[in-house]
Amino acid sequence: MMKRREVCRWLLTIVGIVSLMACGTRHHVVPETFPFQFNDNNPHQLRGVKSYGIEPLEDRSQLSSVKRHLKHIEECRYYTIDPLTHSVPYLTPDAAKLLKDIGKGFQKSMRRHGFGEYRLIVTSVLRTKDDVRRLMKVNSNAVSNSAHCRGTTFDITYRRFNYVGGEKATPGQMKYLLGEVLERLRSKGRCCVRYETKQTCLHITVTP
């Protein structure tokens, strides 16, 4: 009887150790690489946005005339917003929902791999023509006919993430998990994505 108890105790100990090791190393399976090919350029992202985006605004004084068609983007549990110098925090309702769904999917993926809570960081939203003209003076990637002018487009940085709490992940691991989320949404036809190296962001346009 004693031997049987000792064997059971030994087996339970082994099972406990293996379980702890598995829980403690789950996040190590997340790659640091970024294999996703997000190359939807500006002409591709502009395709069709005239039918569901707003008409480009000349400057911010015209914003009040279209606010009823847009959703104000505010910091929430899924994302935070950088100080905006060349854009204003408004999106079409479909684009706003896409942004929130990306944030939800990212946090769900982080939890599944045993990481703590991080929020995405939005770096650019709706631009007026005046915003674009000013931006083109300091950013060689900026174009006059930008999808940002339609309220259908936003940028998320892949270099920085807002840490809230819990088990930390590396920037490379978070970038990979964000890429997975975007790849799934893109394959469902919900968005176009461009990977920008100079601005270290993902340029995303909703495709409802």
C-alpha atoms as a PDB file:
ATOM      1  CA  MET A   1       0.000   0.000   0.000  1.00  0.00           C
ATOM      2  CA  MET A   2       2.785   2.405   0.933  1.00  0.00           C
ATOM      3  CA  LYS A   3       4.621   1.795  -2.327  1.00  0.00           C
ATOM      4  CA  ARG A   4       1.475   2.510  -4.313  1.00  0.00           C
ATOM      5  CA  ARG A   5       1.007   5.809  -2.476  1.00  0.00           C
ATOM      6  CA  GLU A   6       4.606   6.742  -3.114  1.00  0.00           C
ATOM      7  CA  VAL A   7       4.238   5.959  -6.810  1.00  0.00           C
ATOM      8  CA  CYS A   8       1.057   8.078  -7.037  1.00  0.00           C
ATOM      9  CA  ARG A   9       2.743  10.942  -5.191  1.00  0.00           C
ATOM     10  CA  TRP A  10       5.736  10.707  -7.510  1.00  0.00           C
ATOM     11  CA  LEU A  11       3.512  10.721 -10.607  1.00  0.00           C
ATOM     12  CA  LEU A  12       1.559  13.745  -9.355  1.00  0.00           C
ATOM     13  CA  THR A  13       4.814  15.593  -8.709  1.00  0.00           C
ATOM     14  CA  ILE A  14       6.064  14.881 -12.224  1.00  0.00           C
ATOM     15  CA  VAL A  15       2.745  15.970 -13.762  1.00  0.00           C
ATOM     16  CA  GLY A  16       2.871  19.199 -11.738  1.00  0.00           C
ATOM     17  CA  ILE A  17       6.417  19.995 -12.812  1.00  0.00           C
ATOM     18  CA  VAL A  18       5.631  19.333 -16.477  1.00  0.00           C
ATOM     19  CA  SER A  19       2.514  21.519 -16.285  1.00  0.00           C
ATOM     20  CA  LEU A  20       4.450  24.377 -14.710  1.00  0.00           C
ATOM     21  CA  MET A  21       7.172  24.096 -17.324  1.00  0.00           C
ATOM     22  CA  ALA A  22       4.600  24.118 -20.122  1.00  0.00           C
ATOM     23  CA  CYS A  23       2.824  27.176 -18.722  1.00  0.00           C
ATOM     24  CA  GLY A  24       6.076  28.990 -18.145  1.00  0.00           C
ATOM     25  CA  THR A  25       7.369  28.466 -21.670  1.00  0.00           C
ATOM     26  CA  ARG A  26       4.264  28.852 -23.803  1.00  0.00           C
ATOM     27  CA  HIS A  27       5.315  32.232 -25.097  1.00  0.00           C
ATOM     28  CA  HIS A  28       8.635  30.899 -26.393  1.00  0.00           C
ATOM     29  CA  VAL A  29       6.822  29.317 -29.366  1.00  0.00           C
ATOM     30  CA  VAL A  30       6.006  32.797 -30.748  1.00  0.00           C
ATOM     31  CA  PRO A  31       8.516  33.686 -33.507  1.00  0.00           C
ATOM     32  CA  GLU A  32      10.510  36.913 -33.562  1.00  0.00           C
ATOM     33  CA  THR A  33      10.358  37.042 -37.367  1.00  0.00           C
ATOM     34  CA  PHE A  34       7.720  38.753 -39.536  1.00  0.00           C
ATOM     35  CA  PRO A  35       6.877  36.565 -42.544  1.00  0.00           C
ATOM     36  CA  PHE A  36       3.690  38.383 -43.586  1.00  0.00           C
ATOM     37  CA  GLN A  37       3.630  40.026 -47.009  1.00  0.00           C
ATOM     38  CA  PHE A  38       1.520  43.149 -46.553  1.00  0.00           C
ATOM     39  CA  ASN A  39       2.059  45.058 -49.788  1.00  0.00           C
ATOM     40  CA  ASP A  40      -1.336  46.618 -50.565  1.00  0.00           C
ATOM     41  CA  ASN A  41      -0.090  49.930 -51.980  1.00  0.00           C
ATOM     42  CA  ASN A  42      -1.968  53.246 -52.024  1.00  0.00           C
ATOM     43  CA  PRO A  43      -3.752  52.720 -55.383  1.00  0.00           C
ATOM     44  CA  HIS A  44      -4.909  49.302 -54.168  1.00  0.00           C
ATOM     45  CA  GLN A  45      -6.153  50.744 -50.869  1.00  0.00           C
ATOM     46  CA  LEU A  46      -7.932  53.595 -52.640  1.00  0.00           C
ATOM     47  CA  ARG A  47      -9.880  51.162 -54.801  1.00  0.00           C
ATOM     48  CA  GLY A  48     -13.526  51.495 -53.852  1.00  0.00           C
ATOM     49  CA  VAL A  49     -13.083  53.870 -50.904  1.00  0.00           C
ATOM     50  CA  LYS A  50     -14.954  56.627 -52.758  1.00  0.00           C
ATOM     51  CA  SER A  51     -18.125  54.598 -52.318  1.00  0.00           C
ATOM     52  CA  TYR A  52     -17.884  54.277 -48.526  1.00  0.00           C
ATOM     53  CA  GLY A  53     -15.454  56.989 -47.401  1.00  0.00           C
ATOM     54  CA  ILE A  54     -15.997  60.721 -47.048  1.00  0.00           C
ATOM     55  CA  GLU A  55     -14.982  63.315 -49.594  1.00  0.00           C
ATOM     56  CA  PRO A  56     -11.510  64.701 -48.755  1.00  0.00           C
ATOM     57  CA  LEU A  57     -11.640  67.870 -46.639  1.00  0.00           C
ATOM     58  CA  GLU A  58      -9.625  70.917 -47.569  1.00  0.00           C
ATOM     59  CA  ASP A  59      -8.753  71.714 -43.958  1.00  0.00           C
ATOM     60  CA  ARG A  60      -9.962  71.050 -40.405  1.00  0.00           C
ATOM     61  CA  SER A  61     -12.464  73.892 -40.470  1.00  0.00           C
ATOM     62  CA  GLN A  62     -14.641  71.628 -42.647  1.00  0.00           C
ATOM     63  CA  LEU A  63     -14.625  68.757 -40.154  1.00  0.00           C
ATOM     64  CA  SER A  64     -17.871  69.817 -38.467  1.00  0.00           C
ATOM     65  CA  SER A  65     -19.766  69.284 -41.727  1.00  0.00           C
ATOM     66  CA  VAL A  66     -18.947  65.539 -41.829  1.00  0.00           C
ATOM     67  CA  LYS A  67     -18.765  64.578 -38.163  1.00  0.00           C
ATOM     68  CA  ARG A  68     -22.204  62.959 -38.322  1.00  0.00           C
ATOM     69  CA  HIS A  69     -20.771  60.422 -40.776  1.00  0.00           C
ATOM     70  CA  LEU A  70     -17.720  59.637 -38.615  1.00  0.00           C
ATOM     71  CA  LYS A  71     -16.876  58.098 -35.288  1.00  0.00           C
ATOM     72  CA  HIS A  72     -14.604  59.861 -32.816  1.00  0.00           C
ATOM     73  CA  ILE A  73     -11.685  57.582 -31.912  1.00  0.00           C
ATOM     74  CA  GLU A  74     -10.695  57.640 -28.248  1.00  0.00           C
ATOM     75  CA  GLU A  75      -8.254  55.679 -26.111  1.00  0.00           C
ATOM     76  CA  CYS A  76      -9.810  52.456 -24.844  1.00  0.00           C
ATOM     77  CA  ARG A  77      -8.822  49.067 -23.435  1.00  0.00           C
ATOM     78  CA  TYR A  78      -7.684  47.861 -26.861  1.00  0.00           C
ATOM     79  CA  TYR A  79      -5.579  50.756 -28.112  1.00  0.00           C
ATOM     80  CA  THR A  80      -4.093  54.127 -27.225  1.00  0.00           C
ATOM     81  CA  ILE A  81      -3.416  57.049 -29.546  1.00  0.00           C
ATOM     82  CA  ASP A  82      -0.161  58.907 -30.107  1.00  0.00           C
ATOM     83  CA  PRO A  83      -0.250  62.718 -30.070  1.00  0.00           C
ATOM     84  CA  LEU A  84      -1.621  63.509 -33.532  1.00  0.00           C
ATOM     85  CA  THR A  85       0.186  66.285 -35.391  1.00  0.00           C
ATOM     86  CA  HIS A  86      -0.956  65.605 -38.958  1.00  0.00           C
ATOM     87  CA  SER A  87      -4.338  63.935 -38.489  1.00  0.00           C
ATOM     88  CA  VAL A  88      -7.496  64.035 -36.375  1.00  0.00           C
ATOM     89  CA  PRO A  89      -9.055  61.110 -34.436  1.00  0.00           C
ATOM     90  CA  TYR A  90     -12.038  60.292 -36.651  1.00  0.00           C
ATOM     91  CA  LEU A  91     -12.901  57.255 -38.774  1.00  0.00           C
ATOM     92  CA  THR A  92     -15.883  55.916 -40.648  1.00  0.00           C
ATOM     93  CA  PRO A  93     -17.931  53.515 -38.457  1.00  0.00           C
ATOM     94  CA  ASP A  94     -16.660  50.468 -40.399  1.00  0.00           C
ATOM     95  CA  ALA A  95     -13.036  51.554 -39.994  1.00  0.00           C
ATOM     96  CA  ALA A  96     -13.579  52.234 -36.279  1.00  0.00           C
ATOM     97  CA  LYS A  97     -15.020  48.735 -35.816  1.00  0.00           C
ATOM     98  CA  LEU A  98     -12.089  47.215 -37.682  1.00  0.00           C
ATOM     99  CA  LEU A  99      -9.625  49.033 -35.418  1.00  0.00           C
ATOM    100  CA  LYS A 100     -11.376  47.724 -32.316  1.00  0.00           C
ATOM    101  CA  ASP A 101     -11.552  44.185 -33.727  1.00  0.00           C
ATOM    102  CA  ILE A 102      -7.799  44.274 -34.408  1.00  0.00           C
ATOM    103  CA  GLY A 103      -7.188  45.312 -30.811  1.00  0.00           C
ATOM    104  CA  LYS A 104      -9.481  42.595 -29.470  1.00  0.00           C
ATOM    105  CA  GLY A 105      -7.871  39.943 -31.653  1.00  0.00           C
ATOM    106  CA  PHE A 106      -4.384  41.035 -30.627  1.00  0.00           C
ATOM    107  CA  GLN A 107      -5.147  40.844 -26.902  1.00  0.00           C
ATOM    108  CA  LYS A 108      -6.870  37.472 -27.307  1.00  0.00           C
ATOM    109  CA  SER A 109      -3.811  36.127 -29.111  1.00  0.00           C
ATOM    110  CA  MET A 110      -1.523  37.509 -26.408  1.00  0.00           C
ATOM    111  CA  ARG A 111      -3.529  35.768 -23.676  1.00  0.00           C
ATOM    112  CA  ARG A 112      -3.542  32.502 -25.604  1.00  0.00           C
ATOM    113  CA  HIS A 113       0.247  32.510 -25.590  1.00  0.00           C
ATOM    114  CA  GLY A 114       0.503  33.314 -21.880  1.00  0.00           C
ATOM    115  CA  PHE A 115       1.437  36.984 -22.172  1.00  0.00           C
ATOM    116  CA  GLY A 116       0.072  39.922 -20.222  1.00  0.00           C
ATOM    117  CA  GLU A 117      -1.987  42.831 -21.483  1.00  0.00           C
ATOM    118  CA  TYR A 118      -0.729  45.306 -24.066  1.00  0.00           C
ATOM    119  CA  ARG A 119      -2.569  47.907 -26.103  1.00  0.00           C
ATOM    120  CA  LEU A 120      -1.902  48.826 -29.712  1.00  0.00           C
ATOM    121  CA  ILE A 121      -0.732  52.356 -30.509  1.00  0.00           C
ATOM    122  CA  VAL A 122      -2.493  54.290 -33.277  1.00  0.00           C
ATOM    123  CA  THR A 123      -0.196  56.835 -34.934  1.00  0.00           C
ATOM    124  CA  SER A 124      -2.351  58.385 -37.683  1.00  0.00           C
ATOM    125  CA  VAL A 125      -6.040  58.624 -38.545  1.00  0.00           C
ATOM    126  CA  LEU A 126      -8.070  61.040 -40.716  1.00  0.00           C
ATOM    127  CA  ARG A 127      -6.100  63.666 -42.665  1.00  0.00           C
ATOM    128  CA  THR A 128      -7.307  66.769 -44.459  1.00  0.00           C
ATOM    129  CA  LYS A 129      -5.642  67.981 -47.653  1.00  0.00           C
ATOM    130  CA  ASP A 130      -3.899  70.634 -45.593  1.00  0.00           C
ATOM    131  CA  ASP A 131      -2.601  67.936 -43.196  1.00  0.00           C
ATOM    132  CA  VAL A 132      -1.239  65.978 -46.157  1.00  0.00           C
ATOM    133  CA  ARG A 133       0.509  69.016 -47.625  1.00  0.00           C
ATOM    134  CA  ARG A 134       2.219  69.708 -44.317  1.00  0.00           C
ATOM    135  CA  LEU A 135       3.102  66.037 -43.849  1.00  0.00           C
ATOM    136  CA  MET A 136       4.661  65.761 -47.303  1.00  0.00           C
ATOM    137  CA  LYS A 137       7.269  68.315 -46.231  1.00  0.00           C
ATOM    138  CA  VAL A 138       8.595  65.997 -43.500  1.00  0.00           C
ATOM    139  CA  ASN A 139       7.579  62.488 -44.637  1.00  0.00           C
ATOM    140  CA  SER A 140       8.704  61.193 -48.037  1.00  0.00           C
ATOM    141  CA  ASN A 141       6.129  58.363 -47.847  1.00  0.00           C
ATOM    142  CA  ALA A 142       3.181  60.772 -47.765  1.00  0.00           C
ATOM    143  CA  VAL A 143       1.136  61.138 -50.972  1.00  0.00           C
ATOM    144  CA  SER A 144      -1.372  63.805 -51.937  1.00  0.00           C
ATOM    145  CA  ASN A 145      -4.094  61.290 -52.845  1.00  0.00           C
ATOM    146  CA  SER A 146      -4.020  59.467 -49.524  1.00  0.00           C
ATOM    147  CA  ALA A 147      -6.603  56.960 -48.296  1.00  0.00           C
ATOM    148  CA  HIS A 148      -6.281  58.715 -44.924  1.00  0.00           C
ATOM    149  CA  CYS A 149      -8.304  61.582 -46.423  1.00  0.00           C
ATOM    150  CA  ARG A 150     -11.354  59.324 -46.743  1.00  0.00           C
ATOM    151  CA  GLY A 151     -11.660  58.402 -43.056  1.00  0.00           C
ATOM    152  CA  THR A 152     -11.255  54.725 -43.965  1.00  0.00           C
ATOM    153  CA  THR A 153      -7.609  54.372 -42.970  1.00  0.00           C
ATOM    154  CA  PHE A 154      -5.403  54.336 -39.883  1.00  0.00           C
ATOM    155  CA  ASP A 155      -1.822  53.491 -38.968  1.00  0.00           C
ATOM    156  CA  ILE A 156      -0.703  51.205 -36.130  1.00  0.00           C
ATOM    157  CA  THR A 157       2.939  51.118 -35.112  1.00  0.00           C
ATOM    158  CA  TYR A 158       4.588  47.690 -34.968  1.00  0.00           C
ATOM    159  CA  ARG A 159       7.632  48.933 -33.056  1.00  0.00           C
ATOM    160  CA  ARG A 160       5.923  50.126 -29.879  1.00  0.00           C
ATOM    161  CA  PHE A 161       3.146  48.658 -27.746  1.00  0.00           C
ATOM    162  CA  ASN A 162       1.487  50.075 -24.633  1.00  0.00           C
ATOM    163  CA  TYR A 163       2.221  47.795 -21.659  1.00  0.00           C
ATOM    164  CA  VAL A 164      -0.643  47.449 -19.183  1.00  0.00           C
ATOM    165  CA  GLY A 165       0.460  44.546 -16.979  1.00  0.00           C
ATOM    166  CA  GLY A 166       1.292  40.857 -16.670  1.00  0.00           C
ATOM    167  CA  GLU A 167       3.874  38.660 -18.403  1.00  0.00           C
ATOM    168  CA  LYS A 168       5.992  40.734 -20.765  1.00  0.00           C
ATOM    169  CA  ALA A 169       6.605  39.876 -24.419  1.00  0.00           C
ATOM    170  CA  THR A 170       9.334  41.075 -26.762  1.00  0.00           C
ATOM    171  CA  PRO A 171       8.529  43.651 -29.465  1.00  0.00           C
ATOM    172  CA  GLY A 172       9.277  40.981 -32.088  1.00  0.00           C
ATOM    173  CA  GLN A 173       6.776  38.539 -30.593  1.00  0.00           C
ATOM    174  CA  MET A 174       4.055  41.182 -30.383  1.00  0.00           C
ATOM    175  CA  LYS A 175       4.749  42.292 -33.936  1.00  0.00           C
ATOM    176  CA  TYR A 176       4.347  38.690 -35.109  1.00  0.00           C
ATOM    177  CA  LEU A 177       1.044  38.202 -33.248  1.00  0.00           C
ATOM    178  CA  LEU A 178      -0.289  41.490 -34.620  1.00  0.00           C
ATOM    179  CA  GLY A 179       0.680  40.280 -38.094  1.00  0.00           C
ATOM    180  CA  GLU A 180      -1.274  37.059 -37.541  1.00  0.00           C
ATOM    181  CA  VAL A 181      -4.396  39.003 -36.592  1.00  0.00           C
ATOM    182  CA  LEU A 182      -4.133  41.254 -39.650  1.00  0.00           C
ATOM    183  CA  GLU A 183      -3.484  38.308 -41.954  1.00  0.00           C
ATOM    184  CA  ARG A 184      -6.702  36.644 -40.771  1.00  0.00           C
ATOM    185  CA  LEU A 185      -8.772  39.794 -41.229  1.00  0.00           C
ATOM    186  CA  ARG A 186      -7.182  40.501 -44.601  1.00  0.00           C
ATOM    187  CA  SER A 187      -7.908  36.956 -45.817  1.00  0.00           C
ATOM    188  CA  LYS A 188     -11.567  37.510 -44.884  1.00  0.00           C
ATOM    189  CA  GLY A 189     -11.651  40.601 -47.086  1.00  0.00           C
ATOM    190  CA  ARG A 190     -12.051  43.049 -44.216  1.00  0.00           C
ATOM    191  CA  CYS A 191      -8.962  45.171 -44.847  1.00  0.00           C
ATOM    192  CA  CYS A 192      -5.993  46.094 -47.001  1.00  0.00           C
ATOM    193  CA  VAL A 193      -2.604  46.352 -45.287  1.00  0.00           C
ATOM    194  CA  ARG A 194       0.704  47.911 -46.220  1.00  0.00           C
ATOM    195  CA  TYR A 195       3.891  47.307 -44.237  1.00  0.00           C
ATOM    196  CA  GLU A 196       5.810  50.583 -44.021  1.00  0.00           C
ATOM    197  CA  THR A 197       9.467  50.422 -43.038  1.00  0.00           C
ATOM    198  CA  LYS A 198      10.411  54.103 -42.795  1.00  0.00           C
ATOM    199  CA  GLN A 199       7.445  54.971 -40.590  1.00  0.00           C
ATOM    200  CA  THR A 200       7.547  51.586 -38.791  1.00  0.00           C
ATOM    201  CA  CYS A 201       3.800  51.194 -39.028  1.00  0.00           C
ATOM    202  CA  LEU A 202       1.071  49.114 -40.635  1.00  0.00           C
ATOM    203  CA  HIS A 203      -1.089  51.224 -42.941  1.00  0.00           C
ATOM    204  CA  ILE A 204      -4.587  49.728 -42.807  1.00  0.00           C
ATOM    205  CA  THR A 205      -7.712  50.502 -44.860  1.00  0.00           C
ATOM    206  CA  VAL A 206     -11.110  48.964 -44.140  1.00  0.00           C
ATOM    207  CA  THR A 207     -12.843  47.104 -46.984  1.00  0.00           C
ATOM    208  CA  PRO A 208     -16.479  46.586 -45.903  1.00  0.00           C
END
